[in-house]
Each structure stands twice: as C-alpha cells, then as structure tokens.
Amino acid sequence: MKKPRFDLWSIFWAILALLYFFIPLYGTLDFS
C-alpha cells in the first residue's frame, strides 16, 4: 500500500478551516 500523500487541495482546505476558526478567536482576544 502506498502512503497517503497530502495533496494541495487538502492542505488548502485545512489552512482555510484553521483561518476561519482562529480569526474570530483572535478578534475576540484582541478586542477584550
């Protein structure tokens, strides 16, 4: 079996999901 390779789309969507999670969190910490 080949090892699962991370393609660009999965990395892109993972980073995008992290940004959508952390940007509001950073916003609340910044304004508090």
PDB file of N, CA and C in Angstrom:
ATOM      1  N   MET A   1       0.836  -1.203   0.000  1.00  0.00           N
ATOM      2  CA  MET A   1       0.000   0.000   0.000  1.00  0.00           C
ATOM      3  C   MET A   1       0.874   1.256   0.000  1.00  0.00           C
ATOM      4  N   LYS A   2       0.468   2.219  -0.777  1.00  0.00           N
ATOM      5  CA  LYS A   2       1.179   3.489  -0.796  1.00  0.00           C
ATOM      6  C   LYS A   2       0.771   4.318   0.422  1.00  0.00           C
ATOM      7  N   LYS A   3       1.694   5.141   0.867  1.00  0.00           N
ATOM      8  CA  LYS A   3       1.335   6.060   1.940  1.00  0.00           C
ATOM      9  C   LYS A   3       0.460   7.170   1.376  1.00  0.00           C
ATOM     10  N   PRO A   4      -0.562   7.579   2.126  1.00  0.00           N
ATOM     11  CA  PRO A   4      -1.433   8.658   1.643  1.00  0.00           C
ATOM     12  C   PRO A   4      -0.643   9.955   1.530  1.00  0.00           C
ATOM     13  N   ARG A   5      -0.700  10.540   0.347  1.00  0.00           N
ATOM     14  CA  ARG A   5       0.052  11.762   0.092  1.00  0.00           C
ATOM     15  C   ARG A   5      -0.859  12.967   0.268  1.00  0.00           C
ATOM     16  N   PHE A   6      -0.362  13.967   0.970  1.00  0.00           N
ATOM     17  CA  PHE A   6      -1.132  15.201   1.117  1.00  0.00           C
ATOM     18  C   PHE A   6      -1.082  15.975  -0.189  1.00  0.00           C
ATOM     19  N   ASP A   7      -2.252  16.162  -0.788  1.00  0.00           N
ATOM     20  CA  ASP A   7      -2.278  16.975  -1.999  1.00  0.00           C
ATOM     21  C   ASP A   7      -2.566  18.426  -1.630  1.00  0.00           C
ATOM     22  N   LEU A   8      -2.413  19.312  -2.600  1.00  0.00           N
ATOM     23  CA  LEU A   8      -2.526  20.740  -2.322  1.00  0.00           C
ATOM     24  C   LEU A   8      -3.919  21.125  -1.870  1.00  0.00           C
ATOM     25  N   TRP A   9      -4.941  20.438  -2.413  1.00  0.00           N
ATOM     26  CA  TRP A   9      -6.310  20.817  -2.053  1.00  0.00           C
ATOM     27  C   TRP A   9      -6.610  20.525  -0.588  1.00  0.00           C
ATOM     28  N   SER A  10      -6.136  19.382  -0.081  1.00  0.00           N
ATOM     29  CA  SER A  10      -6.415  19.057   1.327  1.00  0.00           C
ATOM     30  C   SER A  10      -5.677  20.014   2.258  1.00  0.00           C
ATOM     31  N   ILE A  11      -4.452  20.379   1.888  1.00  0.00           N
ATOM     32  CA  ILE A  11      -3.703  21.353   2.680  1.00  0.00           C
ATOM     33  C   ILE A  11      -4.389  22.712   2.642  1.00  0.00           C
ATOM     34  N   PHE A  12      -4.862  23.103   1.437  1.00  0.00           N
ATOM     35  CA  PHE A  12      -5.535  24.391   1.271  1.00  0.00           C
ATOM     36  C   PHE A  12      -6.788  24.474   2.125  1.00  0.00           C
ATOM     37  N   TRP A  13      -7.614  23.429   2.081  1.00  0.00           N
ATOM     38  CA  TRP A  13      -8.857  23.456   2.853  1.00  0.00           C
ATOM     39  C   TRP A  13      -8.594  23.365   4.351  1.00  0.00           C
ATOM     40  N   ALA A  14      -7.532  22.673   4.743  1.00  0.00           N
ATOM     41  CA  ALA A  14      -7.190  22.600   6.167  1.00  0.00           C
ATOM     42  C   ALA A  14      -6.758  23.966   6.696  1.00  0.00           C
ATOM     43  N   ILE A  15      -5.925  24.672   5.924  1.00  0.00           N
ATOM     44  CA  ILE A  15      -5.495  26.013   6.320  1.00  0.00           C
ATOM     45  C   ILE A  15      -6.676  26.971   6.337  1.00  0.00           C
ATOM     46  N   LEU A  16      -7.564  26.833   5.340  1.00  0.00           N
ATOM     47  CA  LEU A  16      -8.732  27.705   5.275  1.00  0.00           C
ATOM     48  C   LEU A  16      -9.632  27.486   6.486  1.00  0.00           C
ATOM     49  N   ALA A  17      -9.820  26.222   6.881  1.00  0.00           N
ATOM     50  CA  ALA A  17     -10.640  25.919   8.052  1.00  0.00           C
ATOM     51  C   ALA A  17      -9.995  26.470   9.326  1.00  0.00           C
ATOM     52  N   LEU A  18      -8.675  26.363   9.423  1.00  0.00           N
ATOM     53  CA  LEU A  18      -7.984  26.916  10.586  1.00  0.00           C
ATOM     54  C   LEU A  18      -8.108  28.432  10.645  1.00  0.00           C
ATOM     55  N   LEU A  19      -8.033  29.079   9.475  1.00  0.00           N
ATOM     56  CA  LEU A  19      -8.183  30.531   9.453  1.00  0.00           C
ATOM     57  C   LEU A  19      -9.579  30.939   9.893  1.00  0.00           C
ATOM     58  N   TYR A  20     -10.600  30.235   9.387  1.00  0.00           N
ATOM     59  CA  TYR A  20     -11.973  30.576   9.777  1.00  0.00           C
ATOM     60  C   TYR A  20     -12.216  30.322  11.257  1.00  0.00           C
ATOM     61  N   PHE A  21     -11.443  29.407  11.855  1.00  0.00           N
ATOM     62  CA  PHE A  21     -11.615  29.144  13.276  1.00  0.00           C
ATOM     63  C   PHE A  21     -10.847  30.152  14.126  1.00  0.00           C
ATOM     64  N   PHE A  22      -9.632  30.515  13.706  1.00  0.00           N
ATOM     65  CA  PHE A  22      -8.761  31.324  14.552  1.00  0.00           C
ATOM     66  C   PHE A  22      -8.947  32.819  14.387  1.00  0.00           C
ATOM     67  N   ILE A  23      -9.436  33.273  13.232  1.00  0.00           N
ATOM     68  CA  ILE A  23      -9.611  34.714  13.037  1.00  0.00           C
ATOM     69  C   ILE A  23     -10.657  35.303  13.997  1.00  0.00           C
ATOM     70  N   PRO A  24     -11.855  34.705  14.173  1.00  0.00           N
ATOM     71  CA  PRO A  24     -12.784  35.245  15.177  1.00  0.00           C
ATOM     72  C   PRO A  24     -12.234  35.103  16.601  1.00  0.00           C
ATOM     73  N   LEU A  25     -11.499  34.023  16.863  1.00  0.00           N
ATOM     74  CA  LEU A  25     -10.917  33.826  18.190  1.00  0.00           C
ATOM     75  C   LEU A  25      -9.883  34.909  18.471  1.00  0.00           C
ATOM     76  N   TYR A  26      -9.043  35.212  17.488  1.00  0.00           N
ATOM     77  CA  TYR A  26      -8.055  36.276  17.627  1.00  0.00           C
ATOM     78  C   TYR A  26      -8.734  37.635  17.744  1.00  0.00           C
ATOM     79  N   GLY A  27      -9.842  37.814  17.041  1.00  0.00           N
ATOM     80  CA  GLY A  27     -10.578  39.072  17.113  1.00  0.00           C
ATOM     81  C   GLY A  27     -11.135  39.305  18.510  1.00  0.00           C
ATOM     82  N   THR A  28     -11.680  38.269  19.129  1.00  0.00           N
ATOM     83  CA  THR A  28     -12.234  38.427  20.473  1.00  0.00           C
ATOM     84  C   THR A  28     -11.123  38.677  21.486  1.00  0.00           C
ATOM     85  N   LEU A  29      -9.982  38.031  21.319  1.00  0.00           N
ATOM     86  CA  LEU A  29      -8.864  38.260  22.230  1.00  0.00           C
ATOM     87  C   LEU A  29      -8.283  39.653  22.045  1.00  0.00           C
ATOM     88  N   ASP A  30      -8.307  40.139  20.811  1.00  0.00           N
ATOM     89  CA  ASP A  30      -7.721  41.440  20.524  1.00  0.00           C
ATOM     90  C   ASP A  30      -8.573  42.568  21.100  1.00  0.00           C
ATOM     91  N   PHE A  31      -9.894  42.413  21.027  1.00  0.00           N
ATOM     92  CA  PHE A  31     -10.778  43.490  21.459  1.00  0.00           C
ATOM     93  C   PHE A  31     -11.121  43.426  22.941  1.00  0.00           C
ATOM     94  N   SER A  32     -10.772  42.330  23.590  1.00  0.00           N
ATOM     95  CA  SER A  32     -11.108  42.225  25.006  1.00  0.00           C
ATOM     96  C   SER A  32     -10.081  42.962  25.875  1.00  0.00           C
TER      97      SER A  32
END
